[in-house]
Amino acid sequence: MDRRVERAVENFMQGYGCCQSVVAAFADLYGMDDNMAKRVAAGFGGGVGRMRMMCGAVSGIVMLVGLDCGQTEGSDREGKSACYKVVQELLDKSKEQNGSLICAEILGINGYDRAVCSYVASPRTAEYYKQRPCAAKVESAARIFAEYLRRKGE
């Protein structure tokens, strides 16, 4: 599991979004290849489409929980509730560790502003990585999900 956490951070440092980085590190456990994982998670970067809403790394946790224990029958209220329970538990841990689940708050910006939060992705430069706490948030999210899998397997 530690290698998966490292892989998530490596993905981010290679230019992938927070959600892509987290989901791709675990996707093979659910029969999803790396490319599909990165494609399905692509729109969640920058707090969903760079709108600075829910953190992409946190969205990655939600996607992985769905892959792990999401219900497949619409009428399965117990299955849906069980999935929601896991999501809430893991997101509570993330909020406790990172102070917020909201991208704008984590980055210290004042919410969504079209002038500041355009759809144009930031260039990944050394300065970008110095200014952003995102690699640490990706690591945190991957570690939270890895710990969930460890506990589940015990």
C-alpha atoms as a PDB file:
ATOM      1  CA  MET A   1       0.000   0.000   0.000  1.00  0.00           C
ATOM      2  CA  ASP A   2       2.876   2.389   0.650  1.00  0.00           C
ATOM      3  CA  ARG A   3       3.924   1.972  -2.970  1.00  0.00           C
ATOM      4  CA  ARG A   4       0.438   3.039  -4.080  1.00  0.00           C
ATOM      5  CA  VAL A   5       0.710   6.196  -1.976  1.00  0.00           C
ATOM      6  CA  GLU A   6       4.089   6.919  -3.586  1.00  0.00           C
ATOM      7  CA  ARG A   7       2.595   6.272  -7.028  1.00  0.00           C
ATOM      8  CA  ALA A   8      -0.184   8.783  -6.360  1.00  0.00           C
ATOM      9  CA  VAL A   9       2.370  11.493  -5.534  1.00  0.00           C
ATOM     10  CA  GLU A  10       4.503  10.528  -8.544  1.00  0.00           C
ATOM     11  CA  ASN A  11       1.437  10.837 -10.779  1.00  0.00           C
ATOM     12  CA  PHE A  12       0.823  14.347  -9.487  1.00  0.00           C
ATOM     13  CA  MET A  13       4.454  15.351  -9.951  1.00  0.00           C
ATOM     14  CA  GLN A  14       4.226  14.119 -13.560  1.00  0.00           C
ATOM     15  CA  GLY A  15       1.469  16.664 -14.220  1.00  0.00           C
ATOM     16  CA  TYR A  16      -1.728  14.705 -13.549  1.00  0.00           C
ATOM     17  CA  GLY A  17      -4.511  16.289 -11.533  1.00  0.00           C
ATOM     18  CA  CYS A  18      -5.101  15.480  -7.891  1.00  0.00           C
ATOM     19  CA  CYS A  19      -8.065  13.197  -8.560  1.00  0.00           C
ATOM     20  CA  GLN A  20      -6.346  11.440 -11.455  1.00  0.00           C
ATOM     21  CA  SER A  21      -3.280  10.862  -9.305  1.00  0.00           C
ATOM     22  CA  VAL A  22      -5.188   9.235  -6.459  1.00  0.00           C
ATOM     23  CA  VAL A  23      -7.584   7.147  -8.556  1.00  0.00           C
ATOM     24  CA  ALA A  24      -4.896   5.838 -10.923  1.00  0.00           C
ATOM     25  CA  ALA A  25      -2.786   4.633  -7.991  1.00  0.00           C
ATOM     26  CA  PHE A  26      -5.508   2.157  -6.947  1.00  0.00           C
ATOM     27  CA  ALA A  27      -7.597   1.590 -10.085  1.00  0.00           C
ATOM     28  CA  ASP A  28      -6.000  -1.732 -11.017  1.00  0.00           C
ATOM     29  CA  LEU A  29      -7.485  -3.228  -7.839  1.00  0.00           C
ATOM     30  CA  TYR A  30     -10.887  -2.753  -9.477  1.00  0.00           C
ATOM     31  CA  GLY A  31     -10.040  -3.924 -12.989  1.00  0.00           C
ATOM     32  CA  MET A  32      -9.562  -0.418 -14.353  1.00  0.00           C
ATOM     33  CA  ASP A  33      -6.470   0.341 -16.390  1.00  0.00           C
ATOM     34  CA  ASP A  34      -4.311   3.414 -15.817  1.00  0.00           C
ATOM     35  CA  ASN A  35      -5.550   5.299 -18.894  1.00  0.00           C
ATOM     36  CA  MET A  36      -9.229   4.773 -18.090  1.00  0.00           C
ATOM     37  CA  ALA A  37      -8.670   5.795 -14.475  1.00  0.00           C
ATOM     38  CA  LYS A  38      -6.974   9.006 -15.564  1.00  0.00           C
ATOM     39  CA  ARG A  39      -9.684   9.753 -18.110  1.00  0.00           C
ATOM     40  CA  VAL A  40     -12.628   9.193 -15.776  1.00  0.00           C
ATOM     41  CA  ALA A  41     -10.983  11.327 -13.069  1.00  0.00           C
ATOM     42  CA  ALA A  42      -9.736  14.102 -15.390  1.00  0.00           C
ATOM     43  CA  GLY A  43     -12.607  16.557 -14.908  1.00  0.00           C
ATOM     44  CA  PHE A  44     -12.310  16.618 -11.122  1.00  0.00           C
ATOM     45  CA  GLY A  45      -8.999  18.511 -11.071  1.00  0.00           C
ATOM     46  CA  GLY A  46      -8.772  22.000  -9.617  1.00  0.00           C
ATOM     47  CA  GLY A  47     -11.729  21.369  -7.354  1.00  0.00           C
ATOM     48  CA  VAL A  48     -13.932  20.076 -10.210  1.00  0.00           C
ATOM     49  CA  GLY A  49     -13.152  21.658 -13.546  1.00  0.00           C
ATOM     50  CA  ARG A  50     -10.835  24.170 -11.854  1.00  0.00           C
ATOM     51  CA  MET A  51     -13.846  25.763 -10.126  1.00  0.00           C
ATOM     52  CA  ARG A  52     -12.189  25.297  -6.715  1.00  0.00           C
ATOM     53  CA  MET A  53     -15.019  23.299  -5.151  1.00  0.00           C
ATOM     54  CA  MET A  54     -14.332  19.886  -3.582  1.00  0.00           C
ATOM     55  CA  CYS A  55     -10.607  19.078  -3.642  1.00  0.00           C
ATOM     56  CA  GLY A  56      -9.655  16.717  -6.458  1.00  0.00           C
ATOM     57  CA  ALA A  57      -7.729  14.423  -4.104  1.00  0.00           C
ATOM     58  CA  VAL A  58     -10.860  14.151  -1.961  1.00  0.00           C
ATOM     59  CA  SER A  59     -12.940  13.455  -5.080  1.00  0.00           C
ATOM     60  CA  GLY A  60     -10.487  10.647  -5.759  1.00  0.00           C
ATOM     61  CA  ILE A  61     -11.313   9.090  -2.391  1.00  0.00           C
ATOM     62  CA  VAL A  62     -15.020   9.270  -3.224  1.00  0.00           C
ATOM     63  CA  MET A  63     -14.481   7.630  -6.622  1.00  0.00           C
ATOM     64  CA  LEU A  64     -12.398   4.842  -5.101  1.00  0.00           C
ATOM     65  CA  VAL A  65     -14.953   4.153  -2.385  1.00  0.00           C
ATOM     66  CA  GLY A  66     -17.573   3.837  -5.116  1.00  0.00           C
ATOM     67  CA  LEU A  67     -15.378   1.332  -6.936  1.00  0.00           C
ATOM     68  CA  ASP A  68     -14.767  -0.554  -3.712  1.00  0.00           C
ATOM     69  CA  CYS A  69     -18.219  -0.756  -2.194  1.00  0.00           C
ATOM     70  CA  GLY A  70     -20.700   1.171  -4.329  1.00  0.00           C
ATOM     71  CA  GLN A  71     -24.076  -0.448  -4.865  1.00  0.00           C
ATOM     72  CA  THR A  72     -25.107  -1.515  -8.358  1.00  0.00           C
ATOM     73  CA  GLU A  73     -28.845  -1.918  -7.879  1.00  0.00           C
ATOM     74  CA  GLY A  74     -30.852   1.294  -7.707  1.00  0.00           C
ATOM     75  CA  SER A  75     -33.186  -0.122  -5.075  1.00  0.00           C
ATOM     76  CA  ASP A  76     -30.319  -1.234  -2.784  1.00  0.00           C
ATOM     77  CA  ARG A  77     -30.748   1.402  -0.074  1.00  0.00           C
ATOM     78  CA  GLU A  78     -28.631  -0.567   2.407  1.00  0.00           C
ATOM     79  CA  GLY A  79     -25.757  -0.774  -0.069  1.00  0.00           C
ATOM     80  CA  LYS A  80     -26.054   2.918  -0.858  1.00  0.00           C
ATOM     81  CA  SER A  81     -26.102   3.768   2.848  1.00  0.00           C
ATOM     82  CA  ALA A  82     -23.057   1.565   3.498  1.00  0.00           C
ATOM     83  CA  CYS A  83     -21.139   3.352   0.743  1.00  0.00           C
ATOM     84  CA  TYR A  84     -22.155   6.779   2.046  1.00  0.00           C
ATOM     85  CA  LYS A  85     -20.993   5.750   5.525  1.00  0.00           C
ATOM     86  CA  VAL A  86     -17.512   4.903   4.242  1.00  0.00           C
ATOM     87  CA  VAL A  87     -17.361   8.131   2.200  1.00  0.00           C
ATOM     88  CA  GLN A  88     -18.287  10.210   5.247  1.00  0.00           C
ATOM     89  CA  GLU A  89     -15.782   8.418   7.488  1.00  0.00           C
ATOM     90  CA  LEU A  90     -12.899   8.877   5.039  1.00  0.00           C
ATOM     91  CA  LEU A  91     -13.789  12.476   4.219  1.00  0.00           C
ATOM     92  CA  ASP A  92     -13.993  13.269   7.938  1.00  0.00           C
ATOM     93  CA  LYS A  93     -10.400  11.978   8.218  1.00  0.00           C
ATOM     94  CA  SER A  94      -9.343  14.100   5.264  1.00  0.00           C
ATOM     95  CA  LYS A  95     -10.942  17.219   6.705  1.00  0.00           C
ATOM     96  CA  GLU A  96      -9.318  16.556  10.064  1.00  0.00           C
ATOM     97  CA  GLN A  97      -5.890  16.139   8.454  1.00  0.00           C
ATOM     98  CA  ASN A  98      -6.131  18.956   5.907  1.00  0.00           C
ATOM     99  CA  GLY A  99      -8.455  21.517   7.475  1.00  0.00           C
ATOM    100  CA  SER A 100     -10.977  21.504   4.644  1.00  0.00           C
ATOM    101  CA  LEU A 101     -12.428  19.481   1.787  1.00  0.00           C
ATOM    102  CA  ILE A 102     -12.750  22.579  -0.394  1.00  0.00           C
ATOM    103  CA  CYS A 103     -10.007  23.330  -2.921  1.00  0.00           C
ATOM    104  CA  ALA A 104     -10.290  27.124  -2.585  1.00  0.00           C
ATOM    105  CA  GLU A 105      -9.951  26.945   1.198  1.00  0.00           C
ATOM    106  CA  ILE A 106      -6.980  24.584   0.978  1.00  0.00           C
ATOM    107  CA  LEU A 107      -5.289  26.938  -1.496  1.00  0.00           C
ATOM    108  CA  GLY A 108      -6.189  30.022   0.527  1.00  0.00           C
ATOM    109  CA  ILE A 109      -8.186  31.685  -2.232  1.00  0.00           C
ATOM    110  CA  ASN A 110     -11.600  33.280  -1.947  1.00  0.00           C
ATOM    111  CA  GLY A 111     -13.796  30.687  -3.682  1.00  0.00           C
ATOM    112  CA  TYR A 112     -14.621  30.569  -7.347  1.00  0.00           C
ATOM    113  CA  ASP A 113     -13.862  33.682  -9.345  1.00  0.00           C
ATOM    114  CA  ARG A 114     -13.865  33.288 -13.138  1.00  0.00           C
ATOM    115  CA  ALA A 115     -10.987  35.775 -13.432  1.00  0.00           C
ATOM    116  CA  VAL A 116      -8.794  33.752 -11.067  1.00  0.00           C
ATOM    117  CA  CYS A 117     -10.186  30.276 -11.672  1.00  0.00           C
ATOM    118  CA  SER A 118     -10.418  30.038 -15.431  1.00  0.00           C
ATOM    119  CA  TYR A 119     -10.558  26.678 -17.126  1.00  0.00           C
ATOM    120  CA  VAL A 120      -6.959  27.102 -18.321  1.00  0.00           C
ATOM    121  CA  ALA A 121      -4.693  24.713 -16.442  1.00  0.00           C
ATOM    122  CA  SER A 122      -1.664  26.195 -14.724  1.00  0.00           C
ATOM    123  CA  PRO A 123       1.726  25.325 -16.155  1.00  0.00           C
ATOM    124  CA  ARG A 124       3.534  22.840 -13.922  1.00  0.00           C
ATOM    125  CA  THR A 125       6.727  24.654 -13.019  1.00  0.00           C
ATOM    126  CA  ALA A 126       9.035  24.449 -10.028  1.00  0.00           C
ATOM    127  CA  GLU A 127       7.303  27.569  -8.704  1.00  0.00           C
ATOM    128  CA  TYR A 128       3.880  25.920  -9.079  1.00  0.00           C
ATOM    129  CA  TYR A 129       4.967  22.959  -6.964  1.00  0.00           C
ATOM    130  CA  LYS A 130       6.506  25.272  -4.316  1.00  0.00           C
ATOM    131  CA  GLN A 131       3.322  27.348  -3.968  1.00  0.00           C
ATOM    132  CA  ARG A 132       0.788  24.533  -3.909  1.00  0.00           C
ATOM    133  CA  PRO A 133       0.095  22.095  -1.097  1.00  0.00           C
ATOM    134  CA  CYS A 134      -1.495  19.702  -3.601  1.00  0.00           C
ATOM    135  CA  ALA A 135       1.181  16.981  -3.561  1.00  0.00           C
ATOM    136  CA  ALA A 136       0.718  16.703   0.208  1.00  0.00           C
ATOM    137  CA  LYS A 137      -3.078  16.531  -0.220  1.00  0.00           C
ATOM    138  CA  VAL A 138      -2.703  13.777  -2.836  1.00  0.00           C
ATOM    139  CA  GLU A 139      -0.453  11.872  -0.441  1.00  0.00           C
ATOM    140  CA  SER A 140      -2.938  12.351   2.395  1.00  0.00           C
ATOM    141  CA  ALA A 141      -5.880  11.128   0.290  1.00  0.00           C
ATOM    142  CA  ALA A 142      -3.978   8.092  -0.977  1.00  0.00           C
ATOM    143  CA  ARG A 143      -2.838   7.232   2.546  1.00  0.00           C
ATOM    144  CA  ILE A 144      -6.393   7.543   3.900  1.00  0.00           C
ATOM    145  CA  PHE A 145      -7.692   5.174   1.227  1.00  0.00           C
ATOM    146  CA  ALA A 146      -4.771   2.753   1.725  1.00  0.00           C
ATOM    147  CA  GLU A 147      -5.461   2.676   5.479  1.00  0.00           C
ATOM    148  CA  TYR A 148      -9.142   1.988   4.772  1.00  0.00           C
ATOM    149  CA  LEU A 149      -8.154  -0.980   2.587  1.00  0.00           C
ATOM    150  CA  ARG A 150      -5.763  -2.268   5.261  1.00  0.00           C
ATOM    151  CA  ARG A 151      -8.450  -2.069   7.968  1.00  0.00           C
ATOM    152  CA  LYS A 152     -10.981  -3.683   5.686  1.00  0.00           C
ATOM    153  CA  GLY A 153      -8.611  -6.588   5.010  1.00  0.00           C
ATOM    154  CA  GLU A 154      -7.962  -7.299   8.690  1.00  0.00           C
END
